[in-house]
Amino acid sequence: MIEVVTAILKKDKKILILKRGNKVRTYKGKWAGISGYIEENEEPLERVIKEIEEETGLKRSEIFFVKKIKPVQFFDENENIQWKVHPFLFEVKKDEIKIDWEHIDYKWINVEEIDEYDTVPKLKETIHLLMKSSGQ
């Protein structure tokens, strides 16, 4: 099983999604949240903060933890991988970010628009769960 974190950043009524580039190992060209592999003995919250800093250029002081929900587990037959995803929701005050090499585009969208995008597996359900349980 591969454990990863995924973060959804929220600013006002919009959320950030990022389009994965061709240099990543999995899900090239798919829209995603901010994500990364959890390393051995690493806390998911620490990993997700590092990933946000690396993938958006935002500093720790510019992101505000809102919540995490229980991990989402699933088997992806196309990739032949069992995933365990630790989802987090953060708020930010600014929407200017600097994407890194992993992504080729980003958008701030309304939550209900996520269904219009070709996303990584389980992202739509995860976003709806994060937003539902946060009163959005």
N, C-alpha and C. Protein backbone atom coordinates (compact mmCIF):
# COMPACT_ATOMS: atom_id res chain seq x y z
N MET A 1 0.85 -1.18 0.00
CA MET A 1 0.00 0.00 0.00
C MET A 1 0.89 1.24 0.00
N ILE A 2 0.51 2.20 -0.83
CA ILE A 2 1.25 3.46 -0.90
C ILE A 2 0.43 4.54 -0.21
N GLU A 3 1.07 5.21 0.75
CA GLU A 3 0.39 6.27 1.49
C GLU A 3 0.82 7.63 0.97
N VAL A 4 -0.18 8.47 0.71
CA VAL A 4 0.06 9.82 0.22
C VAL A 4 -0.83 10.80 0.98
N VAL A 5 -0.46 12.07 0.87
CA VAL A 5 -1.31 13.14 1.39
C VAL A 5 -1.88 13.89 0.20
N THR A 6 -3.03 14.49 0.41
CA THR A 6 -3.56 15.43 -0.58
C THR A 6 -4.16 16.59 0.18
N ALA A 7 -3.88 17.79 -0.32
CA ALA A 7 -4.40 19.00 0.31
C ALA A 7 -5.26 19.76 -0.68
N ILE A 8 -6.37 20.23 -0.18
CA ILE A 8 -7.21 21.14 -0.94
C ILE A 8 -7.05 22.51 -0.28
N LEU A 9 -6.67 23.49 -1.08
CA LEU A 9 -6.56 24.86 -0.59
C LEU A 9 -7.83 25.60 -0.95
N LYS A 10 -8.34 26.36 0.02
CA LYS A 10 -9.58 27.10 -0.17
C LYS A 10 -9.30 28.57 0.06
N LYS A 11 -9.79 29.40 -0.85
CA LYS A 11 -9.74 30.85 -0.66
C LYS A 11 -11.13 31.38 -0.94
N ASP A 12 -11.73 31.98 0.06
CA ASP A 12 -13.11 32.44 -0.04
C ASP A 12 -13.99 31.26 -0.45
N LYS A 13 -14.66 31.34 -1.58
CA LYS A 13 -15.56 30.25 -2.00
C LYS A 13 -14.93 29.35 -3.06
N LYS A 14 -13.65 29.53 -3.33
CA LYS A 14 -12.99 28.76 -4.40
C LYS A 14 -11.96 27.80 -3.84
N ILE A 15 -11.69 26.74 -4.61
CA ILE A 15 -10.65 25.78 -4.25
C ILE A 15 -9.62 25.71 -5.38
N LEU A 16 -8.42 25.32 -5.01
CA LEU A 16 -7.32 25.21 -5.97
C LEU A 16 -7.22 23.79 -6.51
N ILE A 17 -7.15 23.68 -7.85
CA ILE A 17 -6.81 22.41 -8.47
C ILE A 17 -5.61 22.65 -9.38
N LEU A 18 -4.79 21.62 -9.53
CA LEU A 18 -3.56 21.73 -10.32
C LEU A 18 -3.53 20.62 -11.36
N LYS A 19 -3.06 20.96 -12.56
CA LYS A 19 -2.96 19.96 -13.63
C LYS A 19 -1.57 19.34 -13.62
N ARG A 20 -1.54 18.03 -13.46
CA ARG A 20 -0.27 17.30 -13.38
C ARG A 20 0.42 17.28 -14.74
N GLY A 21 1.72 17.46 -14.72
CA GLY A 21 2.50 17.49 -15.95
C GLY A 21 2.94 16.11 -16.40
N ASN A 22 3.83 16.07 -17.38
CA ASN A 22 4.31 14.80 -17.94
C ASN A 22 5.51 14.23 -17.22
N LYS A 23 6.07 14.96 -16.26
CA LYS A 23 7.26 14.49 -15.55
C LYS A 23 6.92 13.69 -14.30
N VAL A 24 5.65 13.65 -13.92
CA VAL A 24 5.25 12.90 -12.72
C VAL A 24 5.07 11.43 -13.07
N ARG A 25 5.14 10.57 -12.04
CA ARG A 25 5.05 9.13 -12.28
C ARG A 25 3.64 8.66 -12.63
N THR A 26 2.64 9.24 -11.98
CA THR A 26 1.27 8.75 -12.17
C THR A 26 0.33 9.89 -12.54
N TYR A 27 -0.73 9.53 -13.23
CA TYR A 27 -1.85 10.43 -13.53
C TYR A 27 -1.43 11.70 -14.28
N LYS A 28 -0.59 11.52 -15.28
CA LYS A 28 -0.16 12.64 -16.12
C LYS A 28 -1.37 13.31 -16.77
N GLY A 29 -1.40 14.64 -16.73
CA GLY A 29 -2.47 15.39 -17.38
C GLY A 29 -3.77 15.46 -16.61
N LYS A 30 -3.83 14.85 -15.45
CA LYS A 30 -5.06 14.87 -14.64
C LYS A 30 -5.02 16.04 -13.66
N TRP A 31 -6.19 16.52 -13.31
CA TRP A 31 -6.30 17.58 -12.31
C TRP A 31 -6.27 16.95 -10.93
N ALA A 32 -5.63 17.64 -9.98
CA ALA A 32 -5.42 17.07 -8.65
C ALA A 32 -5.35 18.18 -7.61
N GLY A 33 -5.32 17.75 -6.36
CA GLY A 33 -4.98 18.67 -5.27
C GLY A 33 -3.46 18.66 -5.15
N ILE A 34 -2.98 19.21 -4.08
CA ILE A 34 -1.54 19.18 -3.78
C ILE A 34 -1.29 17.85 -3.11
N SER A 35 -0.33 17.09 -3.63
CA SER A 35 -0.15 15.75 -3.07
C SER A 35 1.31 15.35 -3.01
N GLY A 36 1.55 14.30 -2.23
CA GLY A 36 2.91 13.79 -2.12
C GLY A 36 2.95 12.50 -1.32
N TYR A 37 4.02 11.76 -1.54
CA TYR A 37 4.21 10.49 -0.85
C TYR A 37 4.65 10.72 0.59
N ILE A 38 4.07 9.96 1.50
CA ILE A 38 4.49 10.01 2.90
C ILE A 38 5.72 9.11 3.04
N GLU A 39 6.77 9.66 3.61
CA GLU A 39 7.99 8.89 3.81
C GLU A 39 7.90 8.14 5.14
N GLU A 40 8.77 7.17 5.31
CA GLU A 40 8.74 6.31 6.49
C GLU A 40 8.81 7.14 7.78
N ASN A 41 7.94 6.81 8.72
CA ASN A 41 7.87 7.47 10.04
C ASN A 41 7.56 8.96 9.96
N GLU A 42 6.94 9.39 8.88
CA GLU A 42 6.61 10.80 8.73
C GLU A 42 5.14 11.03 9.06
N GLU A 43 4.87 12.12 9.75
CA GLU A 43 3.49 12.48 10.06
C GLU A 43 2.82 13.07 8.82
N PRO A 44 1.60 12.64 8.51
CA PRO A 44 0.91 13.18 7.33
C PRO A 44 0.79 14.71 7.34
N LEU A 45 0.54 15.31 8.50
CA LEU A 45 0.39 16.77 8.55
C LEU A 45 1.70 17.47 8.17
N GLU A 46 2.83 16.95 8.64
CA GLU A 46 4.12 17.55 8.27
C GLU A 46 4.37 17.41 6.78
N ARG A 47 4.07 16.24 6.22
CA ARG A 47 4.28 16.01 4.79
C ARG A 47 3.41 16.94 3.96
N VAL A 48 2.15 17.10 4.34
CA VAL A 48 1.25 17.91 3.53
C VAL A 48 1.69 19.38 3.54
N ILE A 49 2.19 19.85 4.67
CA ILE A 49 2.67 21.24 4.72
C ILE A 49 3.89 21.40 3.81
N LYS A 50 4.81 20.43 3.83
CA LYS A 50 5.98 20.49 2.94
C LYS A 50 5.54 20.51 1.48
N GLU A 51 4.56 19.68 1.14
CA GLU A 51 4.09 19.62 -0.24
C GLU A 51 3.45 20.93 -0.67
N ILE A 52 2.67 21.54 0.21
CA ILE A 52 2.05 22.83 -0.11
C ILE A 52 3.14 23.87 -0.39
N GLU A 53 4.15 23.91 0.47
CA GLU A 53 5.25 24.87 0.27
C GLU A 53 5.97 24.62 -1.06
N GLU A 54 6.28 23.35 -1.35
CA GLU A 54 7.01 23.01 -2.57
C GLU A 54 6.20 23.26 -3.83
N GLU A 55 4.92 22.89 -3.81
CA GLU A 55 4.12 22.91 -5.03
C GLU A 55 3.42 24.23 -5.31
N THR A 56 3.38 25.13 -4.31
CA THR A 56 2.68 26.40 -4.52
C THR A 56 3.55 27.62 -4.24
N GLY A 57 4.67 27.42 -3.55
CA GLY A 57 5.50 28.55 -3.16
C GLY A 57 4.96 29.30 -1.95
N LEU A 58 3.83 28.86 -1.41
CA LEU A 58 3.28 29.50 -0.21
C LEU A 58 4.11 29.09 1.00
N LYS A 59 4.22 30.00 1.95
CA LYS A 59 4.95 29.71 3.18
C LYS A 59 4.00 29.15 4.23
N ARG A 60 4.57 28.45 5.18
CA ARG A 60 3.80 27.85 6.28
C ARG A 60 2.91 28.90 6.96
N SER A 61 3.42 30.12 7.08
CA SER A 61 2.66 31.18 7.75
C SER A 61 1.49 31.69 6.90
N GLU A 62 1.43 31.28 5.63
CA GLU A 62 0.37 31.75 4.73
C GLU A 62 -0.75 30.73 4.54
N ILE A 63 -0.63 29.58 5.19
CA ILE A 63 -1.66 28.55 5.08
C ILE A 63 -2.24 28.27 6.46
N PHE A 64 -3.52 27.98 6.49
CA PHE A 64 -4.21 27.80 7.76
C PHE A 64 -4.97 26.48 7.75
N PHE A 65 -4.54 25.58 8.63
CA PHE A 65 -5.17 24.26 8.73
C PHE A 65 -6.63 24.41 9.12
N VAL A 66 -7.50 23.74 8.36
CA VAL A 66 -8.93 23.73 8.68
C VAL A 66 -9.31 22.37 9.26
N LYS A 67 -8.95 21.30 8.54
CA LYS A 67 -9.34 19.97 9.01
C LYS A 67 -8.68 18.88 8.19
N LYS A 68 -8.76 17.68 8.73
CA LYS A 68 -8.44 16.49 7.97
C LYS A 68 -9.59 15.52 8.16
N ILE A 69 -9.77 14.65 7.20
CA ILE A 69 -10.79 13.61 7.33
C ILE A 69 -10.10 12.25 7.28
N LYS A 70 -10.85 11.22 7.60
CA LYS A 70 -10.23 9.90 7.65
C LYS A 70 -9.69 9.52 6.27
N PRO A 71 -8.61 8.74 6.26
CA PRO A 71 -7.99 8.37 4.98
C PRO A 71 -8.95 7.64 4.04
N VAL A 72 -8.73 7.86 2.76
CA VAL A 72 -9.50 7.21 1.70
C VAL A 72 -8.61 6.13 1.10
N GLN A 73 -9.10 4.89 1.10
CA GLN A 73 -8.32 3.79 0.54
C GLN A 73 -9.02 3.24 -0.70
N PHE A 74 -8.22 2.92 -1.71
CA PHE A 74 -8.78 2.31 -2.91
C PHE A 74 -7.68 1.65 -3.73
N PHE A 75 -8.09 0.73 -4.59
CA PHE A 75 -7.17 0.05 -5.49
C PHE A 75 -7.39 0.59 -6.89
N ASP A 76 -6.33 1.06 -7.52
CA ASP A 76 -6.39 1.55 -8.89
C ASP A 76 -5.91 0.43 -9.82
N GLU A 77 -6.85 -0.16 -10.54
CA GLU A 77 -6.51 -1.29 -11.42
C GLU A 77 -5.60 -0.87 -12.57
N ASN A 78 -5.78 0.34 -13.09
CA ASN A 78 -4.94 0.80 -14.21
C ASN A 78 -3.48 0.94 -13.81
N GLU A 79 -3.24 1.43 -12.60
CA GLU A 79 -1.87 1.62 -12.12
C GLU A 79 -1.38 0.42 -11.31
N ASN A 80 -2.31 -0.48 -10.95
CA ASN A 80 -2.02 -1.64 -10.11
C ASN A 80 -1.41 -1.21 -8.76
N ILE A 81 -2.07 -0.22 -8.15
CA ILE A 81 -1.58 0.34 -6.88
C ILE A 81 -2.73 0.42 -5.88
N GLN A 82 -2.43 0.01 -4.65
CA GLN A 82 -3.35 0.21 -3.53
C GLN A 82 -2.94 1.52 -2.85
N TRP A 83 -3.85 2.49 -2.85
CA TRP A 83 -3.57 3.82 -2.29
C TRP A 83 -4.24 4.00 -0.94
N LYS A 84 -3.58 4.74 -0.08
CA LYS A 84 -4.18 5.25 1.15
C LYS A 84 -3.89 6.75 1.15
N VAL A 85 -4.96 7.53 0.96
CA VAL A 85 -4.83 8.98 0.81
C VAL A 85 -5.30 9.67 2.09
N HIS A 86 -4.45 10.55 2.62
CA HIS A 86 -4.77 11.33 3.81
C HIS A 86 -5.19 12.73 3.35
N PRO A 87 -6.51 13.04 3.36
CA PRO A 87 -6.99 14.33 2.85
C PRO A 87 -6.99 15.44 3.91
N PHE A 88 -6.59 16.64 3.47
CA PHE A 88 -6.54 17.82 4.33
C PHE A 88 -7.19 19.00 3.62
N LEU A 89 -7.74 19.90 4.42
CA LEU A 89 -8.28 21.16 3.91
C LEU A 89 -7.57 22.30 4.61
N PHE A 90 -7.07 23.26 3.81
CA PHE A 90 -6.41 24.45 4.33
C PHE A 90 -7.06 25.68 3.71
N GLU A 91 -7.01 26.78 4.44
CA GLU A 91 -7.45 28.06 3.89
C GLU A 91 -6.22 28.91 3.62
N VAL A 92 -6.33 29.75 2.60
CA VAL A 92 -5.27 30.70 2.27
C VAL A 92 -5.90 32.07 2.08
N LYS A 93 -5.09 33.10 2.24
CA LYS A 93 -5.58 34.47 2.08
C LYS A 93 -5.28 35.03 0.70
N LYS A 94 -4.29 34.45 0.01
CA LYS A 94 -3.97 34.95 -1.33
C LYS A 94 -4.06 33.83 -2.34
N ASP A 95 -4.38 34.19 -3.58
CA ASP A 95 -4.54 33.17 -4.61
C ASP A 95 -3.39 33.14 -5.61
N GLU A 96 -2.34 33.91 -5.35
CA GLU A 96 -1.17 33.89 -6.23
C GLU A 96 -0.23 32.78 -5.77
N ILE A 97 0.00 31.83 -6.65
CA ILE A 97 0.92 30.74 -6.32
C ILE A 97 1.94 30.58 -7.44
N LYS A 98 3.01 29.85 -7.14
CA LYS A 98 4.03 29.52 -8.13
C LYS A 98 4.11 28.01 -8.21
N ILE A 99 3.61 27.45 -9.31
CA ILE A 99 3.62 25.99 -9.43
C ILE A 99 5.04 25.49 -9.69
N ASP A 100 5.29 24.27 -9.25
CA ASP A 100 6.61 23.67 -9.45
C ASP A 100 6.58 22.75 -10.67
N TRP A 101 7.63 21.96 -10.84
CA TRP A 101 7.80 21.10 -12.01
C TRP A 101 6.71 20.03 -12.16
N GLU A 102 6.01 19.71 -11.08
CA GLU A 102 5.02 18.64 -11.13
C GLU A 102 3.76 19.03 -11.91
N HIS A 103 3.51 20.34 -12.04
CA HIS A 103 2.26 20.80 -12.63
C HIS A 103 2.49 21.73 -13.81
N ILE A 104 1.49 21.75 -14.70
CA ILE A 104 1.58 22.63 -15.87
C ILE A 104 0.52 23.72 -15.87
N ASP A 105 -0.42 23.65 -14.94
CA ASP A 105 -1.47 24.66 -14.88
C ASP A 105 -2.16 24.57 -13.53
N TYR A 106 -2.87 25.63 -13.18
CA TYR A 106 -3.70 25.60 -11.98
C TYR A 106 -4.89 26.51 -12.18
N LYS A 107 -5.94 26.24 -11.40
CA LYS A 107 -7.16 27.05 -11.46
C LYS A 107 -7.78 27.12 -10.07
N TRP A 108 -8.41 28.25 -9.80
CA TRP A 108 -9.26 28.40 -8.62
C TRP A 108 -10.69 28.25 -9.13
N ILE A 109 -11.39 27.25 -8.63
CA ILE A 109 -12.73 26.95 -9.13
C ILE A 109 -13.74 26.89 -7.98
N ASN A 110 -15.01 27.01 -8.33
CA ASN A 110 -16.07 26.75 -7.35
C ASN A 110 -16.14 25.24 -7.13
N VAL A 111 -16.47 24.83 -5.93
CA VAL A 111 -16.48 23.40 -5.58
C VAL A 111 -17.32 22.59 -6.56
N GLU A 112 -18.50 23.09 -6.91
CA GLU A 112 -19.39 22.32 -7.78
C GLU A 112 -18.83 22.14 -9.20
N GLU A 113 -17.83 22.92 -9.58
CA GLU A 113 -17.23 22.80 -10.90
C GLU A 113 -16.29 21.59 -11.02
N ILE A 114 -15.89 21.00 -9.91
CA ILE A 114 -14.92 19.90 -9.95
C ILE A 114 -15.39 18.75 -10.83
N ASP A 115 -16.70 18.55 -10.91
CA ASP A 115 -17.23 17.45 -11.71
C ASP A 115 -16.96 17.62 -13.21
N GLU A 116 -16.59 18.82 -13.63
CA GLU A 116 -16.32 19.09 -15.04
C GLU A 116 -14.88 18.76 -15.44
N TYR A 117 -14.04 18.37 -14.47
CA TYR A 117 -12.62 18.15 -14.73
C TYR A 117 -12.26 16.67 -14.69
N ASP A 118 -11.26 16.31 -15.49
CA ASP A 118 -10.71 14.95 -15.51
C ASP A 118 -9.67 14.89 -14.39
N THR A 119 -10.04 14.29 -13.28
CA THR A 119 -9.19 14.33 -12.08
C THR A 119 -8.55 12.98 -11.78
N VAL A 120 -7.60 13.04 -10.85
CA VAL A 120 -7.03 11.80 -10.32
C VAL A 120 -8.15 11.04 -9.61
N PRO A 121 -8.01 9.73 -9.45
CA PRO A 121 -9.08 8.95 -8.82
C PRO A 121 -9.44 9.46 -7.42
N LYS A 122 -10.73 9.45 -7.15
CA LYS A 122 -11.30 9.77 -5.83
C LYS A 122 -11.17 11.23 -5.41
N LEU A 123 -10.64 12.10 -6.27
CA LEU A 123 -10.49 13.50 -5.87
C LEU A 123 -11.85 14.17 -5.69
N LYS A 124 -12.76 13.93 -6.63
CA LYS A 124 -14.07 14.58 -6.54
C LYS A 124 -14.79 14.20 -5.25
N GLU A 125 -14.79 12.90 -4.94
CA GLU A 125 -15.44 12.44 -3.71
C GLU A 125 -14.76 13.02 -2.47
N THR A 126 -13.43 13.08 -2.51
CA THR A 126 -12.68 13.60 -1.37
C THR A 126 -12.98 15.08 -1.14
N ILE A 127 -13.03 15.85 -2.22
CA ILE A 127 -13.35 17.27 -2.10
C ILE A 127 -14.74 17.45 -1.51
N HIS A 128 -15.69 16.70 -2.03
CA HIS A 128 -17.06 16.82 -1.52
C HIS A 128 -17.13 16.46 -0.03
N LEU A 129 -16.39 15.44 0.38
CA LEU A 129 -16.37 15.06 1.80
C LEU A 129 -15.73 16.15 2.66
N LEU A 130 -14.61 16.70 2.20
CA LEU A 130 -13.94 17.76 2.96
C LEU A 130 -14.84 18.99 3.10
N MET A 131 -15.49 19.36 2.03
CA MET A 131 -16.30 20.58 2.05
C MET A 131 -17.61 20.36 2.80
N LYS A 132 -18.18 19.18 2.65
CA LYS A 132 -19.44 18.88 3.32
C LYS A 132 -19.26 18.94 4.83
N SER A 133 -18.22 18.31 5.29
CA SER A 133 -18.04 18.25 6.74
C SER A 133 -17.47 19.55 7.30
N SER A 134 -17.13 20.51 6.43
CA SER A 134 -16.66 21.80 6.95
C SER A 134 -17.74 22.87 6.84
N GLY A 135 -18.95 22.43 6.50
CA GLY A 135 -20.07 23.35 6.45
C GLY A 135 -20.12 24.20 5.19
N GLN A 136 -19.46 23.76 4.12
CA GLN A 136 -19.45 24.54 2.88
C GLN A 136 -20.56 24.11 1.96
